[in-house]
Amino acid sequence: MPAVNTQAAPPPIGSYAYLAASMTLVGLYVGLSPLLVAAFPVMLLAFLRFGIAALAMAHWLPRPADASPLTRREQGLLFLQSLLGNFLFTLCALHGAWLAGAVSAGVLMAGIPACVALLSRVFLGEPLTKRVWAAAGCTAAAVTLLALHRQHGVAPATATPVAAWTGATLGYLLLVAAVVCEASYVVIGKKLSARVSAKRVSAIINLWGLALSTPLGLALAWHFDFSSITPGLWALLVAYALAASMVTVWLWMKGLEQVPAQQAGIFTVFLPLSAAAMGVVGLGEPWGGSHAAALGLALAAVWLVTQPAGARAVPSSPTNGPVGPMQPPREPGGS
């Protein structure tokens, strides 16, 4: 009987395209988010986002007849993915982008791939190499550069220099928190992608986000003057809700079905690139030397953690099994 090479084939180009498209859309709405945050309180904005998306994804929520019920562990992971990747990421990213600016948001988000690699190593029990420590140092240096650079236009003209610096620094800290939340979202999503369909994951984590934001969202909506919102802002809100909760999540989960988490983390670099481009081109924000240096450091961190240490040949043999851990069967019904 001839030997059969069962080594896993490289992920198809389509999976990489799903991941790249997802992060590009995330970066675009992060870059545009200051326009919405200026019109809506952040918790009300989150509540409206999840509510609009819940209506659009209602038909994705029911369990297919041929699918297994979710285990308690999967239910817990779905809640955690929503809490970190939807709810807290939304609050931290929107507040941070508003305080520090879309350009700074884009630069700091460049640290997501390094953070994904770090969390993947922790979850897999792998030791931290010198390359990973160097990447962490580059990320820390990028954050320090931005913290020492007070971006013009962050605070009102009447604010003191101390108040402006404090507001920008708080924005940077919130953006760092958003990076950690997004990296956790990637790692948890990889754990779920083997068994739960992309559509159902998108609908369930959005529903959890709606539940988390409803108490404060309803309280803010009761006192909010909705007549002050222009038709253009309503259209932007609907586009933001569908992109953030529906399209980007589905694209990301589809890509994760066949791409390892650390490789998927590389594609989060499209987030800062598109966010920074939106800030400069769409919102007219300035681009300074500190931003360029910080972006260079962040991208250096990405390069350090995403370069392979060296490929090892796997000989064809009847006893060779698939490379990597055994995955449980994926939930049927839907994509």
Protein backbone atom coordinates (compact mmCIF):
# COMPACT_ATOMS: atom_id res chain seq x y z
CA MET A 1 0.00 0.00 0.00
CA PRO A 2 1.61 3.32 -1.02
CA ALA A 3 2.42 5.90 1.59
CA VAL A 4 -0.02 8.79 1.85
CA ASN A 5 1.04 12.24 2.99
CA THR A 6 -1.68 13.41 5.36
CA GLN A 7 -0.03 16.72 6.19
CA ALA A 8 -2.62 19.49 6.29
CA ALA A 9 -2.79 21.50 3.11
CA PRO A 10 -2.23 25.28 3.28
CA PRO A 11 -5.41 27.29 3.82
CA PRO A 12 -7.09 28.40 0.57
CA ILE A 13 -6.64 31.93 -0.68
CA GLY A 14 -10.34 32.57 -0.02
CA SER A 15 -9.84 32.12 3.73
CA TYR A 16 -7.11 34.75 3.74
CA ALA A 17 -9.38 37.06 1.73
CA TYR A 18 -12.15 36.66 4.33
CA LEU A 19 -9.74 37.67 7.12
CA ALA A 20 -8.29 40.62 5.22
CA ALA A 21 -11.74 41.95 4.27
CA SER A 22 -12.99 41.60 7.85
CA MET A 23 -10.14 43.60 9.40
CA THR A 24 -10.26 46.23 6.66
CA LEU A 25 -13.92 46.88 7.46
CA VAL A 26 -13.16 47.02 11.20
CA GLY A 27 -10.47 49.61 10.58
CA LEU A 28 -12.79 51.71 8.43
CA TYR A 29 -15.53 51.88 11.05
CA VAL A 30 -12.99 52.53 13.82
CA GLY A 31 -11.72 55.44 11.72
CA LEU A 32 -15.24 56.79 11.21
CA SER A 33 -16.36 56.16 14.79
CA PRO A 34 -15.57 59.70 16.08
CA LEU A 35 -18.42 61.00 13.90
CA LEU A 36 -20.90 58.69 15.67
CA VAL A 37 -19.41 59.16 19.15
CA ALA A 38 -19.81 62.92 18.74
CA ALA A 39 -23.55 62.42 18.11
CA PHE A 40 -24.43 59.50 20.42
CA PRO A 41 -23.34 58.53 23.94
CA VAL A 42 -21.11 55.47 23.59
CA MET A 43 -23.40 53.09 25.51
CA LEU A 44 -26.42 54.25 23.50
CA LEU A 45 -24.43 53.79 20.30
CA ALA A 46 -23.51 50.23 21.35
CA PHE A 47 -27.14 49.46 22.24
CA LEU A 48 -28.40 50.74 18.86
CA ARG A 49 -25.66 48.84 17.02
CA PHE A 50 -26.49 45.51 18.63
CA GLY A 51 -30.23 46.11 18.28
CA ILE A 52 -30.06 46.87 14.56
CA ALA A 53 -27.80 43.88 13.92
CA ALA A 54 -30.05 41.58 16.00
CA LEU A 55 -32.96 42.35 13.70
CA ALA A 56 -30.81 41.72 10.62
CA MET A 57 -29.46 38.40 11.96
CA ALA A 58 -32.61 36.99 13.57
CA HIS A 59 -32.76 34.21 10.98
CA TRP A 60 -29.18 33.14 11.82
CA LEU A 61 -29.94 32.47 15.49
CA PRO A 62 -31.99 29.18 15.57
CA ARG A 63 -30.06 25.93 15.85
CA PRO A 64 -30.19 23.87 12.65
CA ALA A 65 -32.12 20.61 12.99
CA ASP A 66 -29.04 18.50 12.29
CA ALA A 67 -26.73 20.43 14.65
CA SER A 68 -25.69 19.35 18.13
CA PRO A 69 -26.71 21.55 21.08
CA LEU A 70 -24.05 23.90 22.37
CA THR A 71 -22.08 22.56 25.33
CA ARG A 72 -21.69 24.63 28.50
CA ARG A 73 -18.09 25.32 27.55
CA GLU A 74 -19.12 26.58 24.11
CA GLN A 75 -21.83 28.75 25.65
CA GLY A 76 -19.25 30.23 28.03
CA LEU A 77 -16.82 30.88 25.20
CA LEU A 78 -19.53 32.59 23.16
CA PHE A 79 -20.36 34.88 26.09
CA LEU A 80 -16.67 35.63 26.68
CA GLN A 81 -16.11 36.32 22.99
CA SER A 82 -19.03 38.75 23.00
CA LEU A 83 -17.97 40.42 26.26
CA LEU A 84 -14.39 40.98 25.10
CA GLY A 85 -14.65 41.21 21.33
CA ASN A 86 -18.00 42.97 20.97
CA PHE A 87 -18.96 44.80 24.16
CA LEU A 88 -15.66 45.87 25.76
CA PHE A 89 -13.87 46.29 22.43
CA THR A 90 -16.65 48.62 21.26
CA LEU A 91 -16.46 50.75 24.42
CA CYS A 92 -12.65 50.90 24.51
CA ALA A 93 -12.18 51.44 20.77
CA LEU A 94 -14.86 54.14 20.44
CA HIS A 95 -13.83 56.07 23.57
CA GLY A 96 -10.14 55.64 22.74
CA ALA A 97 -10.51 56.80 19.14
CA TRP A 98 -12.54 59.81 20.28
CA LEU A 99 -9.95 60.86 22.89
CA ALA A 100 -6.77 60.02 20.99
CA GLY A 101 -7.92 60.36 17.36
CA ALA A 102 -8.37 57.85 14.54
CA VAL A 103 -4.70 58.04 13.52
CA SER A 104 -3.50 57.07 17.00
CA ALA A 105 -6.18 54.37 17.09
CA GLY A 106 -4.86 52.95 13.84
CA VAL A 107 -1.25 52.97 15.02
CA LEU A 108 -1.98 51.28 18.35
CA MET A 109 -4.20 48.67 16.71
CA ALA A 110 -1.09 47.56 14.81
CA GLY A 111 -0.09 45.74 18.01
CA ILE A 112 -3.00 43.27 17.69
CA PRO A 113 -1.01 40.59 15.82
CA ALA A 114 1.69 40.58 18.48
CA CYS A 115 -0.94 40.33 21.19
CA VAL A 116 -2.67 37.46 19.35
CA ALA A 117 0.63 35.58 19.19
CA LEU A 118 1.27 36.15 22.90
CA LEU A 119 -2.19 34.92 23.91
CA SER A 120 -1.95 31.95 21.56
CA ARG A 121 1.31 30.95 23.17
CA VAL A 122 -0.19 31.28 26.63
CA PHE A 123 -3.25 29.20 25.71
CA LEU A 124 -1.09 26.57 24.00
CA GLY A 125 1.45 26.48 26.83
CA GLU A 126 4.33 27.41 24.52
CA PRO A 127 7.40 29.20 25.97
CA LEU A 128 7.96 32.85 25.13
CA THR A 129 10.96 33.17 22.83
CA LYS A 130 13.41 36.06 22.59
CA ARG A 131 11.62 37.13 19.42
CA VAL A 132 8.30 37.44 21.29
CA TRP A 133 9.94 39.42 24.11
CA ALA A 134 11.46 41.74 21.50
CA ALA A 135 8.01 42.21 19.93
CA ALA A 136 6.54 43.10 23.32
CA GLY A 137 9.31 45.67 23.74
CA CYS A 138 8.54 47.23 20.35
CA THR A 139 4.85 47.47 21.25
CA ALA A 140 5.65 49.10 24.60
CA ALA A 141 7.94 51.61 22.88
CA ALA A 142 5.19 52.46 20.38
CA VAL A 143 2.71 53.11 23.21
CA THR A 144 5.25 55.29 25.03
CA LEU A 145 5.88 57.37 21.91
CA LEU A 146 2.18 58.03 21.47
CA ALA A 147 1.64 58.80 25.17
CA LEU A 148 4.36 61.46 25.02
CA HIS A 149 2.89 62.99 21.89
CA ARG A 150 -0.11 65.21 22.57
CA GLN A 151 -2.14 65.10 19.38
CA HIS A 152 -3.56 68.45 18.32
CA GLY A 153 -7.34 68.70 18.35
CA VAL A 154 -8.01 65.98 20.92
CA ALA A 155 -9.28 68.35 23.58
CA PRO A 156 -11.30 71.53 23.21
CA ALA A 157 -9.38 74.74 22.63
CA THR A 158 -10.23 75.92 26.13
CA ALA A 159 -8.64 72.88 27.79
CA THR A 160 -5.31 73.29 29.57
CA PRO A 161 -2.24 71.42 28.26
CA VAL A 162 -2.42 69.09 31.28
CA ALA A 163 -6.08 68.28 30.59
CA ALA A 164 -5.36 67.67 26.90
CA TRP A 165 -2.42 65.36 27.72
CA THR A 166 -4.51 63.49 30.31
CA GLY A 167 -7.38 62.98 27.85
CA ALA A 168 -5.05 61.70 25.14
CA THR A 169 -3.27 59.36 27.56
CA LEU A 170 -6.59 57.91 28.69
CA GLY A 171 -7.44 57.39 25.03
CA TYR A 172 -4.19 55.48 24.48
CA LEU A 173 -4.86 53.24 27.50
CA LEU A 174 -8.36 52.47 26.25
CA LEU A 175 -6.96 51.61 22.83
CA VAL A 176 -4.44 49.23 24.43
CA ALA A 177 -7.34 47.57 26.24
CA ALA A 178 -9.15 47.30 22.90
CA VAL A 179 -6.09 45.55 21.45
CA VAL A 180 -6.18 42.92 24.22
CA CYS A 181 -9.93 42.44 23.77
CA GLU A 182 -9.58 41.98 20.01
CA ALA A 183 -6.71 39.51 20.43
CA SER A 184 -8.78 37.49 22.90
CA TYR A 185 -11.64 37.55 20.39
CA VAL A 186 -9.35 35.99 17.77
CA VAL A 187 -8.14 33.18 20.04
CA ILE A 188 -11.62 32.34 21.33
CA GLY A 189 -13.03 32.46 17.81
CA LYS A 190 -10.50 29.87 16.68
CA LYS A 191 -11.64 27.54 19.47
CA LEU A 192 -15.27 27.89 18.37
CA SER A 193 -14.77 27.73 14.60
CA ALA A 194 -14.32 23.95 14.53
CA ARG A 195 -17.86 23.21 15.75
CA VAL A 196 -20.12 26.27 15.47
CA SER A 197 -21.02 27.86 12.12
CA ALA A 198 -19.88 31.40 11.33
CA LYS A 199 -23.44 32.70 10.97
CA ARG A 200 -24.58 31.29 14.32
CA VAL A 201 -21.53 32.61 16.15
CA SER A 202 -22.19 36.07 14.67
CA ALA A 203 -25.85 36.04 15.79
CA ILE A 204 -25.22 34.66 19.30
CA ILE A 205 -22.37 36.97 20.29
CA ASN A 206 -24.34 39.96 18.97
CA LEU A 207 -27.31 38.92 21.10
CA TRP A 208 -25.07 38.78 24.17
CA GLY A 209 -23.80 42.25 23.29
CA LEU A 210 -27.38 43.51 23.11
CA ALA A 211 -28.15 41.99 26.53
CA LEU A 212 -25.05 43.59 28.07
CA SER A 213 -25.77 47.06 26.65
CA THR A 214 -29.56 47.14 27.14
CA PRO A 215 -29.79 48.48 30.76
CA LEU A 216 -27.65 51.59 30.20
CA GLY A 217 -28.74 51.88 26.57
CA LEU A 218 -32.43 52.13 27.45
CA ALA A 219 -31.73 54.65 30.22
CA LEU A 220 -29.76 56.86 27.83
CA ALA A 221 -32.33 56.47 25.04
CA TRP A 222 -35.12 57.70 27.36
CA HIS A 223 -33.45 61.11 27.70
CA PHE A 224 -31.81 61.37 24.28
CA ASP A 225 -33.06 63.81 21.64
CA PHE A 226 -33.24 61.61 18.55
CA SER A 227 -34.61 64.51 16.49
CA SER A 228 -31.11 66.01 16.52
CA ILE A 229 -29.71 63.13 14.43
CA THR A 230 -29.50 63.87 10.71
CA PRO A 231 -30.49 61.33 8.03
CA GLY A 232 -26.83 61.00 7.09
CA LEU A 233 -25.89 59.98 10.64
CA TRP A 234 -28.76 57.46 10.76
CA ALA A 235 -27.47 55.92 7.52
CA LEU A 236 -23.93 55.82 8.94
CA LEU A 237 -25.26 54.17 12.13
CA VAL A 238 -27.05 51.43 10.16
CA ALA A 239 -23.96 50.80 8.02
CA TYR A 240 -21.79 50.71 11.15
CA ALA A 241 -24.12 48.25 12.91
CA LEU A 242 -24.28 45.85 9.98
CA ALA A 243 -20.54 46.05 9.34
CA ALA A 244 -19.41 45.76 12.96
CA SER A 245 -21.79 43.07 14.23
CA MET A 246 -22.72 41.10 11.14
CA VAL A 247 -20.42 41.33 8.15
CA THR A 248 -17.01 41.54 9.84
CA VAL A 249 -17.80 38.79 12.37
CA TRP A 250 -19.07 36.42 9.67
CA LEU A 251 -16.04 37.11 7.45
CA TRP A 252 -13.64 36.57 10.35
CA MET A 253 -15.22 33.32 11.54
CA LYS A 254 -15.30 31.97 7.96
CA GLY A 255 -11.59 32.68 7.61
CA LEU A 256 -10.77 31.11 10.98
CA GLU A 257 -12.35 27.81 9.90
CA GLN A 258 -9.19 26.96 7.95
CA VAL A 259 -6.51 29.36 9.20
CA PRO A 260 -4.60 28.92 12.51
CA ALA A 261 -5.03 31.69 15.08
CA GLN A 262 -1.46 32.97 14.88
CA GLN A 263 -1.61 33.17 11.09
CA ALA A 264 -5.00 34.88 11.33
CA GLY A 265 -3.45 37.42 13.67
CA ILE A 266 -1.25 38.64 10.83
CA PHE A 267 -4.32 39.87 8.99
CA THR A 268 -5.33 42.19 11.83
CA VAL A 269 -2.66 44.51 10.42
CA PHE A 270 -5.31 45.56 7.87
CA LEU A 271 -7.22 47.16 10.78
CA PRO A 272 -4.65 49.86 11.65
CA LEU A 273 -3.81 50.46 8.02
CA SER A 274 -7.42 51.15 7.05
CA ALA A 275 -8.15 53.09 10.28
CA ALA A 276 -5.14 55.36 9.83
CA ALA A 277 -6.00 55.88 6.16
CA MET A 278 -9.55 56.85 7.10
CA GLY A 279 -8.29 59.27 9.75
CA VAL A 280 -5.92 61.03 7.36
CA VAL A 281 -7.94 60.93 4.14
CA GLY A 282 -11.52 61.00 5.41
CA LEU A 283 -11.27 63.05 8.62
CA GLY A 284 -8.29 65.30 7.84
CA GLU A 285 -6.28 64.30 10.91
CA PRO A 286 -2.57 65.22 10.93
CA TRP A 287 0.13 62.60 10.51
CA GLY A 288 3.25 63.33 12.56
CA GLY A 289 6.69 61.86 13.03
CA SER A 290 5.70 60.25 16.33
CA HIS A 291 2.88 58.40 14.61
CA ALA A 292 5.21 57.19 11.85
CA ALA A 293 7.82 55.98 14.36
CA ALA A 294 5.20 54.27 16.51
CA LEU A 295 3.66 52.57 13.47
CA GLY A 296 7.12 51.35 12.44
CA LEU A 297 7.69 49.86 15.89
CA ALA A 298 4.27 48.23 15.90
CA LEU A 299 4.84 46.71 12.48
CA ALA A 300 8.27 45.51 13.62
CA ALA A 301 6.50 43.70 16.47
CA VAL A 302 4.15 42.13 13.93
CA TRP A 303 7.09 40.95 11.83
CA LEU A 304 8.92 39.48 14.83
CA VAL A 305 6.06 37.28 16.01
CA THR A 306 4.72 36.21 12.64
CA GLN A 307 7.93 35.04 10.99
CA PRO A 308 8.18 31.23 11.06
CA ALA A 309 11.02 29.85 13.12
CA GLY A 310 11.76 27.35 10.35
CA ALA A 311 9.71 24.75 8.56
CA ARG A 312 10.26 21.08 9.28
CA ALA A 313 9.62 18.49 6.60
CA VAL A 314 7.03 15.87 7.41
CA PRO A 315 7.75 12.63 5.56
CA SER A 316 4.94 10.75 3.87
CA SER A 317 4.13 7.68 5.90
CA PRO A 318 1.11 5.51 6.60
CA THR A 319 1.47 6.34 10.27
CA ASN A 320 1.58 10.08 9.88
CA GLY A 321 -1.61 11.78 11.06
CA PRO A 322 -2.77 15.32 10.40
CA VAL A 323 -0.45 18.03 11.62
CA GLY A 324 -1.76 19.83 14.71
CA PRO A 325 -4.31 18.88 17.35
CA MET A 326 -7.33 16.77 16.50
CA GLN A 327 -10.38 18.96 15.94
CA PRO A 328 -13.91 17.89 16.85
CA PRO A 329 -16.48 17.73 14.06
CA ARG A 330 -17.87 21.09 13.04
CA GLU A 331 -21.50 21.97 13.58
CA PRO A 332 -23.46 21.25 10.38
CA GLY A 333 -26.13 23.46 8.93
CA GLY A 334 -25.30 26.94 7.68
CA SER A 335 -22.04 28.77 7.18
